[in-house]
Amino acid sequence: MKELRDYSPAKKALQVNLDDSIYGTFAEIGAGQEVARHFFQAGRASHTIAKTISAYDMTFSDEIYGKENRYVSEGRLHKMLDHEFTLLQERLQAKRGTETRFFAFADTVATASQAEGISKSHGWMGIRFQARPGGAPNDIVLHLKLWDRFRLQQQEALGTLGVNLIHMAFFPSDKPEERITALIDALSTKRIEVNMIRFNGPDLRHLDNRLLSLELVKQQLTEAVLFAPNGEVLHASDALFRQSVLVQRGTYRPVTKSDVGIIEKVQAQFQKHPLMGGKPVKVLFEITINSISGQSSLISDEDFLHRIDALAAMGYEVLLSNFRLFYQMKYFLRECTNQAIGIVVGASLLEKMFDENFYQELPGGILEGMSRMFDEKTRVFVFPHRTATTCATAQIFHPAAHLEHLYQHLFINGWIADVLNCEDVDTSIHSSDVRAMLESGNPKWKTLVPDKVRQLIEERQIFGFRP
């Protein structure tokens, strides 16, 4: 859990109020005026607040901002920001536009008392602001989940997060990672989760949203973030909503022809599976920063971006996570979709999957781990692991003797299944071999990666390549 920092919302709100160049509107739907309240209580609110509004009734909200399919959605948030910022400038630009940095803050949030460890309280929050008087507007938009059990506590956390966001927009740190840290000042990750954030605008152009999203994972503000092939940061629950998902974990430093060949062949078989009914499947490549081997913690942020870019060049979405174990990844995906989930693993990983040491944190041990891993719409697909003398598959794998019946139950009933034969794909190509060739100048590496990845490596000189 991330530790508390001694930056109270009262101090931050007062610092904003004391700056006479900052002036704007607060529009909050769903959880009251939780953010604006801090600025009223701090003093000198009249120097900061042009208007507050809480269009709680759906009819009023539709009349003001226009209709949206869902009230707690990114689309609704952008309509709120558009409307309020435009109105602010129309009415006040001539009077004080040369000396004022206008802003519009908005949130649309659903709160509800809930059982411990289960959260249905979530929302969208954002600010549109000028970094200087007369400047073009910038946007910071985020999605949040509230983990406190009771509605009043959730509202308090929401208010603090909103103050942190506004303060961070106008008083930013020079270090991008500290902008993420500032979001949760006077809070903790036990109370709030920020699982998507985007910075856009001329004064934020130097910030890389992918790196900032990586910071969300590194600082434990969320468990995973999703990237589109064009590099855009996606909200996973929206992007995967009611989608069947096929996910393959790997290091992908860089992605190889083997990696692509495996997922393409498994995808073709998965779409024929009875669970699918011929429906399309969304393919994800997952990279964890918290691998069992511990190697990921030694890798730079830039290296993660290079891997994301290489996969994006192939047109794939990338899930960047801090999951150590597969059941954690599956639980995250199940929160996003109620459709079929296929998890692709190599036969060499079955031994770790059935190592009881990895499930000691669970009261029910490996049995609880397996119950979290599998449900009626989740399957594990195993591709073969070939060595110079053998070819390992799920069929010939045997865990420790006392776990044999558990494994056979899963295998015989199709929860774990072989999907490829040893001749179907060359699994002897490894990313580590490609990197060794890149670093030594062996041109054979060019034959082991897809053409688009080869071009990217040569153009950017990444993964140790030097011309």
Protein backbone atom coordinates (compact mmCIF):
# COMPACT_ATOMS: atom_id res chain seq x y z
CA MET A 1 0.00 0.00 0.00
CA LYS A 2 1.26 3.48 -0.86
CA GLU A 3 2.02 5.56 2.24
CA LEU A 4 0.21 8.79 3.09
CA ARG A 5 1.96 12.08 2.33
CA ASP A 6 1.48 15.13 4.54
CA TYR A 7 -0.30 17.34 2.00
CA SER A 8 -3.79 18.01 3.32
CA PRO A 9 -6.62 19.02 0.96
CA ALA A 10 -7.16 22.14 3.09
CA LYS A 11 -3.60 23.35 2.43
CA LYS A 12 -3.85 22.60 -1.27
CA ALA A 13 -7.25 24.25 -1.68
CA LEU A 14 -6.02 27.37 0.13
CA GLN A 15 -2.94 27.59 -2.10
CA VAL A 16 -5.21 27.52 -5.16
CA ASN A 17 -7.55 30.11 -3.63
CA LEU A 18 -4.64 32.42 -2.87
CA ASP A 19 -3.64 32.52 -6.54
CA ASP A 20 -5.86 35.21 -8.04
CA SER A 21 -5.08 34.09 -11.58
CA ILE A 22 -6.98 30.79 -11.11
CA TYR A 23 -10.74 31.01 -11.65
CA GLY A 24 -13.30 28.46 -12.75
CA THR A 25 -16.32 26.22 -12.44
CA PHE A 26 -17.09 23.03 -10.52
CA ALA A 27 -19.65 20.59 -11.97
CA GLU A 28 -20.26 17.44 -9.95
CA ILE A 29 -22.80 14.70 -10.60
CA GLY A 30 -23.64 11.77 -8.35
CA ALA A 31 -21.77 12.34 -5.09
CA GLY A 32 -22.65 15.92 -4.19
CA GLN A 33 -20.30 18.90 -4.11
CA GLU A 34 -17.45 17.02 -2.46
CA VAL A 35 -14.57 18.76 -4.25
CA ALA A 36 -15.98 22.28 -4.28
CA ARG A 37 -16.65 21.99 -0.54
CA HIS A 38 -12.92 21.99 0.25
CA PHE A 39 -12.39 25.26 -1.62
CA PHE A 40 -15.33 26.93 0.17
CA GLN A 41 -14.00 25.83 3.56
CA ALA A 42 -10.40 26.88 2.85
CA GLY A 43 -11.28 30.58 2.59
CA ARG A 44 -11.07 33.13 -0.26
CA ALA A 45 -13.26 30.84 -2.38
CA SER A 46 -14.70 33.86 -4.18
CA HIS A 47 -11.26 34.37 -5.74
CA THR A 48 -11.40 30.87 -7.30
CA ILE A 49 -15.00 29.78 -7.82
CA ALA A 50 -17.15 31.29 -10.55
CA LYS A 51 -19.91 28.70 -10.18
CA THR A 52 -20.67 25.30 -8.71
CA ILE A 53 -23.37 23.03 -10.09
CA SER A 54 -24.72 19.61 -9.22
CA ALA A 55 -27.07 18.52 -11.99
CA TYR A 56 -28.15 15.45 -10.05
CA ASP A 57 -31.49 14.89 -11.77
CA MET A 58 -31.06 13.04 -15.07
CA THR A 59 -33.52 15.25 -16.92
CA PHE A 60 -31.74 18.42 -15.82
CA SER A 61 -28.39 16.86 -16.64
CA ASP A 62 -29.54 15.90 -20.14
CA GLU A 63 -30.90 19.39 -20.75
CA ILE A 64 -27.61 20.99 -19.73
CA TYR A 65 -25.05 18.61 -21.20
CA GLY A 66 -26.94 16.54 -23.78
CA LYS A 67 -27.92 12.88 -23.59
CA GLU A 68 -25.45 10.06 -23.03
CA ASN A 69 -26.02 6.30 -22.87
CA ARG A 70 -24.44 6.13 -19.42
CA TYR A 71 -24.27 8.94 -16.89
CA VAL A 72 -21.09 7.67 -15.27
CA SER A 73 -18.97 7.57 -18.40
CA GLU A 74 -16.08 9.28 -20.08
CA GLY A 75 -18.42 10.65 -22.73
CA ARG A 76 -20.54 12.38 -20.08
CA LEU A 77 -17.42 13.83 -18.44
CA HIS A 78 -16.18 15.36 -21.70
CA LYS A 79 -19.59 16.90 -22.37
CA MET A 80 -19.50 18.47 -18.92
CA LEU A 81 -16.00 19.88 -19.46
CA ASP A 82 -16.89 21.17 -22.94
CA HIS A 83 -20.06 22.90 -21.77
CA GLU A 84 -18.68 24.49 -18.59
CA PHE A 85 -15.37 25.68 -20.03
CA THR A 86 -17.04 27.17 -23.12
CA LEU A 87 -19.62 28.95 -20.98
CA LEU A 88 -16.92 30.29 -18.69
CA GLN A 89 -14.97 31.81 -21.56
CA GLU A 90 -18.05 33.22 -23.29
CA ARG A 91 -19.09 35.10 -20.17
CA LEU A 92 -15.76 36.13 -18.67
CA GLN A 93 -13.11 36.21 -21.40
CA ALA A 94 -13.67 39.86 -22.29
CA LYS A 95 -13.77 40.96 -18.65
CA ARG A 96 -10.78 39.08 -17.20
CA GLY A 97 -9.31 36.80 -19.87
CA THR A 98 -5.97 38.64 -20.04
CA GLU A 99 -5.18 37.99 -16.39
CA THR A 100 -6.99 34.74 -15.58
CA ARG A 101 -6.23 31.05 -16.04
CA PHE A 102 -9.70 29.61 -16.49
CA PHE A 103 -10.60 26.06 -15.53
CA ALA A 104 -13.59 23.73 -15.50
CA PHE A 105 -13.53 20.81 -13.09
CA ALA A 106 -16.05 17.97 -13.47
CA ASP A 107 -16.80 14.57 -12.05
CA THR A 108 -19.59 12.04 -12.52
CA VAL A 109 -19.54 9.34 -9.87
CA ALA A 110 -21.68 6.48 -8.58
CA THR A 111 -21.30 5.70 -4.87
CA ALA A 112 -22.90 2.94 -2.82
CA SER A 113 -22.28 1.22 0.50
CA GLN A 114 -20.78 -2.18 -0.18
CA ALA A 115 -19.24 -5.34 1.24
CA GLU A 116 -15.58 -5.19 2.21
CA GLY A 117 -13.24 -5.97 -0.69
CA ILE A 118 -15.98 -5.41 -3.30
CA SER A 119 -16.40 -2.08 -5.04
CA LYS A 120 -19.11 -0.94 -7.40
CA SER A 121 -18.43 2.71 -6.63
CA HIS A 122 -16.57 4.35 -9.48
CA GLY A 123 -16.49 7.46 -11.58
CA TRP A 124 -14.82 9.79 -14.05
CA MET A 125 -13.04 12.98 -13.05
CA GLY A 126 -11.30 15.64 -15.08
CA ILE A 127 -10.12 19.21 -15.37
CA ARG A 128 -9.81 21.49 -18.39
CA PHE A 129 -7.48 24.38 -17.63
CA GLN A 130 -5.22 27.07 -19.02
CA ALA A 131 -1.59 27.03 -17.96
CA ARG A 132 -1.40 30.80 -18.64
CA PRO A 133 -3.95 33.55 -19.31
CA GLY A 134 -5.23 33.37 -22.86
CA GLY A 135 -3.55 30.01 -23.45
CA ALA A 136 -5.08 27.00 -25.17
CA PRO A 137 -6.84 24.59 -22.79
CA ASN A 138 -5.36 21.34 -21.50
CA ASP A 139 -7.19 18.27 -20.20
CA ILE A 140 -6.40 15.77 -17.46
CA VAL A 141 -8.96 12.95 -17.29
CA LEU A 142 -8.98 9.91 -15.02
CA HIS A 143 -11.15 6.99 -13.98
CA LEU A 144 -11.37 6.02 -10.32
CA LYS A 145 -12.73 3.31 -8.05
CA LEU A 146 -13.66 3.90 -4.43
CA TRP A 147 -12.81 1.15 -1.95
CA ASP A 148 -14.24 2.48 1.32
CA ARG A 149 -17.23 0.46 2.50
CA PHE A 150 -19.57 3.35 3.27
CA ARG A 151 -20.86 6.15 1.09
CA LEU A 152 -19.74 8.99 3.40
CA GLN A 153 -16.15 7.73 3.42
CA GLN A 154 -16.23 7.38 -0.35
CA GLN A 155 -17.40 10.97 -0.71
CA GLU A 156 -14.56 12.16 1.53
CA ALA A 157 -12.01 10.29 -0.57
CA LEU A 158 -13.53 11.67 -3.76
CA GLY A 159 -13.24 15.23 -2.45
CA THR A 160 -9.58 14.77 -1.57
CA LEU A 161 -8.76 13.26 -4.95
CA GLY A 162 -10.45 16.17 -6.74
CA VAL A 163 -8.44 18.73 -4.76
CA ASN A 164 -5.26 16.81 -5.53
CA LEU A 165 -6.07 16.81 -9.25
CA ILE A 166 -6.77 20.55 -9.41
CA HIS A 167 -3.67 21.39 -7.37
CA MET A 168 -1.50 19.10 -9.51
CA ALA A 169 -2.78 20.78 -12.69
CA PHE A 170 -1.80 24.29 -11.55
CA PHE A 171 1.21 23.43 -9.38
CA PRO A 172 2.79 20.50 -11.20
CA SER A 173 6.05 18.80 -10.30
CA ASP A 174 8.80 18.81 -12.91
CA LYS A 175 9.05 15.04 -12.45
CA PRO A 176 6.20 13.19 -14.22
CA GLU A 177 6.14 10.38 -11.66
CA GLU A 178 5.51 12.90 -8.87
CA ARG A 179 2.38 14.10 -10.64
CA ILE A 180 0.99 10.60 -10.17
CA THR A 181 2.16 10.49 -6.55
CA ALA A 182 0.41 13.81 -5.86
CA LEU A 183 -2.98 12.36 -6.85
CA ILE A 184 -3.16 10.26 -3.74
CA ASP A 185 -1.80 12.72 -1.15
CA ALA A 186 -3.69 12.36 2.16
CA LEU A 187 -5.22 9.14 0.79
CA SER A 188 -4.04 5.56 0.35
CA THR A 189 -4.46 2.84 -2.23
CA LYS A 190 -6.69 1.03 0.25
CA ARG A 191 -9.23 3.80 -0.24
CA ILE A 192 -9.00 4.75 -3.87
CA GLU A 193 -7.82 3.35 -7.20
CA VAL A 194 -6.90 5.37 -10.29
CA ASN A 195 -6.89 2.89 -13.18
CA MET A 196 -6.73 5.23 -16.18
CA ILE A 197 -5.30 8.70 -16.71
CA ARG A 198 -4.68 10.85 -19.78
CA PHE A 199 -2.88 14.17 -20.11
CA ASN A 200 -3.66 16.14 -23.28
CA GLY A 201 -2.99 19.66 -24.47
CA PRO A 202 -0.22 21.96 -25.71
CA ASP A 203 1.27 22.47 -22.25
CA LEU A 204 1.23 18.75 -21.49
CA ARG A 205 2.67 17.59 -24.80
CA HIS A 206 5.98 16.63 -23.18
CA LEU A 207 4.26 14.05 -20.96
CA ASP A 208 4.01 10.47 -22.23
CA ASN A 209 0.67 8.98 -21.20
CA ARG A 210 2.12 5.49 -21.44
CA LEU A 211 4.85 6.30 -18.91
CA LEU A 212 2.33 7.95 -16.61
CA SER A 213 0.12 4.87 -16.88
CA LEU A 214 3.12 2.72 -16.04
CA GLU A 215 3.54 4.90 -12.95
CA LEU A 216 -0.03 4.07 -11.91
CA VAL A 217 0.95 0.40 -11.86
CA LYS A 218 4.37 0.93 -10.28
CA GLN A 219 2.94 3.09 -7.51
CA GLN A 220 0.14 0.56 -6.94
CA LEU A 221 -2.66 2.99 -7.76
CA THR A 222 -3.98 0.23 -10.01
CA GLU A 223 -3.20 -3.36 -10.95
CA ALA A 224 -3.13 -3.05 -14.73
CA VAL A 225 -3.45 -0.59 -17.61
CA LEU A 226 -4.42 -1.25 -21.22
CA PHE A 227 -2.87 0.28 -24.35
CA ALA A 228 -4.38 0.44 -27.84
CA PRO A 229 -2.21 -0.30 -30.90
CA ASN A 230 -1.94 3.45 -31.54
CA GLY A 231 -0.49 3.96 -28.04
CA GLU A 232 -3.67 5.44 -26.57
CA VAL A 233 -4.39 4.58 -22.96
CA LEU A 234 -7.71 2.72 -22.70
CA HIS A 235 -10.06 2.20 -19.79
CA ALA A 236 -9.94 -1.60 -19.58
CA SER A 237 -13.50 -2.14 -18.34
CA ASP A 238 -14.91 -0.13 -21.24
CA ALA A 239 -12.57 -1.58 -23.87
CA LEU A 240 -13.21 -5.20 -22.82
CA PHE A 241 -16.90 -4.86 -21.89
CA ARG A 242 -18.77 -7.97 -23.12
CA GLN A 243 -15.75 -9.00 -25.21
CA SER A 244 -14.26 -12.48 -25.38
CA VAL A 245 -10.58 -12.21 -24.53
CA LEU A 246 -7.52 -14.27 -25.39
CA VAL A 247 -4.42 -13.23 -23.45
CA GLN A 248 -0.82 -14.41 -23.64
CA ARG A 249 1.83 -13.46 -21.09
CA GLY A 250 5.46 -12.99 -22.02
CA THR A 251 8.48 -10.74 -21.73
CA TYR A 252 8.47 -9.73 -25.41
CA ARG A 253 11.93 -8.18 -25.30
CA PRO A 254 11.31 -8.14 -28.25
CA VAL A 255 8.25 -10.01 -29.56
CA THR A 256 9.35 -12.87 -31.84
CA LYS A 257 7.84 -14.75 -34.75
CA SER A 258 7.18 -17.61 -32.33
CA ASP A 259 5.10 -15.36 -30.06
CA VAL A 260 2.99 -14.15 -32.97
CA GLY A 261 2.70 -17.62 -34.51
CA ILE A 262 1.46 -19.10 -31.24
CA ILE A 263 -1.23 -16.48 -30.62
CA GLU A 264 -2.47 -16.61 -34.22
CA LYS A 265 -2.86 -20.39 -34.17
CA VAL A 266 -4.46 -20.43 -30.72
CA GLN A 267 -6.82 -17.63 -31.73
CA ALA A 268 -8.00 -19.66 -34.72
CA GLN A 269 -8.74 -22.64 -32.43
CA PHE A 270 -10.28 -20.55 -29.66
CA GLN A 271 -12.83 -19.05 -32.04
CA LYS A 272 -14.04 -22.60 -32.81
CA HIS A 273 -14.40 -23.44 -29.12
CA PRO A 274 -18.00 -24.08 -27.89
CA LEU A 275 -17.62 -21.18 -25.46
CA MET A 276 -17.18 -18.76 -28.33
CA GLY A 277 -20.05 -19.65 -30.64
CA GLY A 278 -18.12 -18.23 -33.58
CA LYS A 279 -17.89 -14.74 -32.05
CA PRO A 280 -14.78 -12.60 -32.53
CA VAL A 281 -12.13 -12.52 -29.81
CA LYS A 282 -10.00 -9.66 -28.58
CA VAL A 283 -6.31 -10.60 -28.37
CA LEU A 284 -4.12 -9.13 -25.62
CA PHE A 285 -0.43 -9.51 -24.94
CA GLU A 286 0.27 -9.13 -21.23
CA ILE A 287 3.52 -7.90 -19.70
CA THR A 288 3.96 -7.91 -15.94
CA ILE A 289 6.31 -5.65 -14.01
CA ASN A 290 6.16 -8.13 -11.12
CA SER A 291 7.41 -11.39 -12.58
CA ILE A 292 8.06 -14.46 -10.46
CA SER A 293 11.72 -14.36 -11.46
CA GLY A 294 12.04 -10.78 -10.25
CA GLN A 295 13.77 -9.70 -13.45
CA SER A 296 11.13 -7.14 -14.46
CA SER A 297 12.00 -4.91 -11.50
CA LEU A 298 15.48 -4.45 -12.98
CA ILE A 299 14.18 -3.17 -16.33
CA SER A 300 13.88 0.52 -17.19
CA ASP A 301 10.67 2.34 -18.03
CA GLU A 302 11.93 2.95 -21.55
CA ASP A 303 12.37 -0.78 -22.05
CA PHE A 304 8.72 -1.37 -21.21
CA LEU A 305 7.74 1.30 -23.72
CA HIS A 306 9.88 -0.33 -26.40
CA ARG A 307 8.08 -3.62 -25.85
CA ILE A 308 4.68 -1.94 -25.99
CA ASP A 309 5.67 -0.14 -29.20
CA ALA A 310 6.91 -3.36 -30.83
CA LEU A 311 3.62 -5.14 -30.07
CA ALA A 312 1.65 -2.09 -31.17
CA ALA A 313 3.50 -2.16 -34.49
CA MET A 314 1.93 -5.59 -35.00
CA GLY A 315 -1.53 -4.18 -34.25
CA TYR A 316 -1.95 -5.72 -30.78
CA GLU A 317 -3.37 -4.30 -27.57
CA VAL A 318 -1.06 -4.60 -24.57
CA LEU A 319 -2.01 -5.17 -20.93
CA LEU A 320 0.69 -3.93 -18.55
CA SER A 321 0.18 -5.30 -15.05
CA ASN A 322 1.71 -6.04 -11.68
CA PHE A 323 0.20 -9.56 -11.54
CA ARG A 324 2.57 -12.28 -10.40
CA LEU A 325 0.15 -15.16 -10.85
CA PHE A 326 -2.31 -16.09 -13.57
CA TYR A 327 -5.34 -16.23 -11.29
CA GLN A 328 -4.78 -12.54 -10.45
CA MET A 329 -4.82 -11.65 -14.14
CA LYS A 330 -7.93 -13.74 -14.72
CA TYR A 331 -9.75 -12.07 -11.82
CA PHE A 332 -8.97 -8.65 -13.33
CA LEU A 333 -10.24 -9.71 -16.75
CA ARG A 334 -13.41 -11.20 -15.27
CA GLU A 335 -14.15 -7.83 -13.67
CA CYS A 336 -14.06 -6.35 -17.18
CA THR A 337 -16.06 -8.93 -19.15
CA ASN A 338 -18.61 -11.70 -18.62
CA GLN A 339 -17.62 -13.47 -21.83
CA ALA A 340 -15.10 -16.26 -22.54
CA ILE A 341 -11.52 -15.83 -21.35
CA GLY A 342 -8.66 -17.86 -22.79
CA ILE A 343 -5.25 -17.74 -21.13
CA VAL A 344 -2.32 -18.95 -23.25
CA VAL A 345 0.64 -20.44 -21.39
CA GLY A 346 3.66 -22.47 -22.30
CA ALA A 347 3.96 -26.03 -21.03
CA SER A 348 7.13 -24.98 -19.22
CA LEU A 349 5.01 -22.79 -16.90
CA LEU A 350 2.70 -25.59 -15.71
CA GLU A 351 5.20 -26.58 -13.04
CA LYS A 352 5.07 -23.08 -11.53
CA MET A 353 1.30 -22.96 -11.86
CA PHE A 354 1.08 -26.06 -9.67
CA ASP A 355 3.74 -24.99 -7.17
CA GLU A 356 1.97 -24.61 -3.83
CA ASN A 357 4.53 -22.05 -2.63
CA PHE A 358 2.94 -19.42 -4.87
CA TYR A 359 -0.45 -19.76 -3.13
CA GLN A 360 0.63 -19.45 0.50
CA GLU A 361 -0.97 -16.01 0.81
CA LEU A 362 -4.40 -17.55 0.16
CA PRO A 363 -6.23 -19.14 3.13
CA GLY A 364 -7.28 -22.03 0.89
CA GLY A 365 -3.85 -22.47 -0.69
CA ILE A 366 -3.63 -23.92 -4.17
CA LEU A 367 -7.27 -25.08 -4.09
CA GLU A 368 -8.42 -21.50 -3.63
CA GLY A 369 -5.99 -20.37 -6.30
CA MET A 370 -7.43 -22.83 -8.81
CA SER A 371 -10.99 -21.87 -7.90
CA ARG A 372 -10.11 -18.25 -8.64
CA MET A 373 -8.39 -19.21 -11.86
CA PHE A 374 -11.21 -21.22 -13.42
CA ASP A 375 -14.90 -20.58 -13.95
CA GLU A 376 -17.44 -21.78 -16.51
CA LYS A 377 -16.12 -19.41 -19.16
CA THR A 378 -12.36 -19.55 -18.52
CA ARG A 379 -9.90 -21.97 -20.10
CA VAL A 380 -6.11 -22.34 -20.07
CA PHE A 381 -4.58 -23.25 -23.43
CA VAL A 382 -1.13 -24.79 -23.37
CA PHE A 383 1.35 -24.62 -26.21
CA PRO A 384 4.28 -27.08 -26.30
CA HIS A 385 7.75 -26.37 -24.95
CA ARG A 386 10.44 -27.91 -27.11
CA THR A 387 14.01 -28.59 -26.08
CA ALA A 388 16.79 -30.32 -27.99
CA THR A 389 15.58 -33.74 -26.82
CA THR A 390 11.96 -33.42 -25.62
CA CYS A 391 8.67 -31.69 -26.27
CA ALA A 392 6.61 -30.92 -23.17
CA THR A 393 2.79 -30.66 -23.38
CA ALA A 394 -0.12 -30.49 -20.96
CA GLN A 395 -0.93 -34.12 -21.67
CA ILE A 396 2.40 -35.43 -20.41
CA PHE A 397 2.79 -32.97 -17.53
CA HIS A 398 2.62 -34.38 -14.00
CA PRO A 399 2.61 -32.19 -10.86
CA ALA A 400 3.59 -33.42 -7.38
CA ALA A 401 1.92 -36.74 -6.59
CA HIS A 402 -0.58 -35.29 -4.11
CA LEU A 403 -1.74 -32.78 -6.74
CA GLU A 404 -2.08 -35.27 -9.58
CA HIS A 405 -5.83 -35.81 -9.10
CA LEU A 406 -6.44 -32.05 -9.05
CA TYR A 407 -4.53 -31.61 -12.29
CA GLN A 408 -6.21 -34.57 -13.97
CA HIS A 409 -9.62 -33.20 -13.02
CA LEU A 410 -8.80 -29.91 -14.76
CA PHE A 411 -7.21 -31.57 -17.78
CA ILE A 412 -9.81 -34.30 -18.39
CA ASN A 413 -12.66 -31.79 -18.15
CA GLY A 414 -11.02 -29.41 -20.61
CA TRP A 415 -10.23 -26.57 -18.21
CA ILE A 416 -6.59 -27.02 -19.24
CA ALA A 417 -6.03 -28.12 -22.82
CA ASP A 418 -3.27 -28.57 -25.37
CA VAL A 419 -3.84 -26.41 -28.42
CA LEU A 420 -0.77 -27.05 -30.57
CA ASN A 421 1.45 -29.97 -31.46
CA CYS A 422 5.21 -29.73 -31.33
CA GLU A 423 5.33 -29.47 -35.13
CA ASP A 424 2.77 -26.66 -35.37
CA VAL A 425 5.03 -23.81 -34.30
CA ASP A 426 8.71 -23.32 -33.55
CA THR A 427 8.82 -22.52 -29.84
CA SER A 428 12.61 -22.66 -29.68
CA ILE A 429 12.90 -18.95 -30.54
CA HIS A 430 13.31 -16.90 -27.36
CA SER A 431 13.55 -13.17 -26.82
CA SER A 432 16.77 -13.61 -24.87
CA ASP A 433 18.39 -15.25 -27.90
CA VAL A 434 17.30 -12.35 -30.11
CA ARG A 435 18.76 -9.80 -27.67
CA ALA A 436 22.04 -11.67 -27.52
CA MET A 437 22.24 -11.54 -31.32
CA LEU A 438 21.34 -7.84 -31.33
CA GLU A 439 24.06 -7.02 -28.83
CA SER A 440 26.70 -9.13 -30.57
CA GLY A 441 25.83 -7.84 -34.04
CA ASN A 442 24.68 -11.24 -35.34
CA PRO A 443 22.34 -10.40 -38.27
CA LYS A 444 20.41 -13.65 -37.79
CA TRP A 445 18.11 -11.79 -35.38
CA LYS A 446 16.36 -10.25 -38.37
CA THR A 447 14.95 -13.65 -39.32
CA LEU A 448 13.50 -14.26 -35.84
CA VAL A 449 11.25 -11.23 -35.44
CA PRO A 450 8.34 -9.97 -37.59
CA ASP A 451 9.28 -7.49 -40.31
CA LYS A 452 7.50 -4.56 -38.65
CA VAL A 453 9.37 -5.23 -35.42
CA ARG A 454 12.68 -5.47 -37.31
CA GLN A 455 12.03 -2.07 -38.88
CA LEU A 456 11.20 -0.54 -35.50
CA ILE A 457 14.36 -1.94 -33.91
CA GLU A 458 16.55 -0.64 -36.72
CA GLU A 459 14.94 2.81 -36.79
CA ARG A 460 15.02 3.39 -33.02
CA GLN A 461 18.09 1.29 -32.16
CA ILE A 462 16.36 -0.47 -29.25
CA PHE A 463 16.83 -3.80 -27.42
CA GLY A 464 20.61 -3.40 -27.67
CA PHE A 465 20.77 -2.97 -31.44
CA ARG A 466 23.53 -0.81 -32.88
CA PRO A 467 24.01 -0.39 -36.61
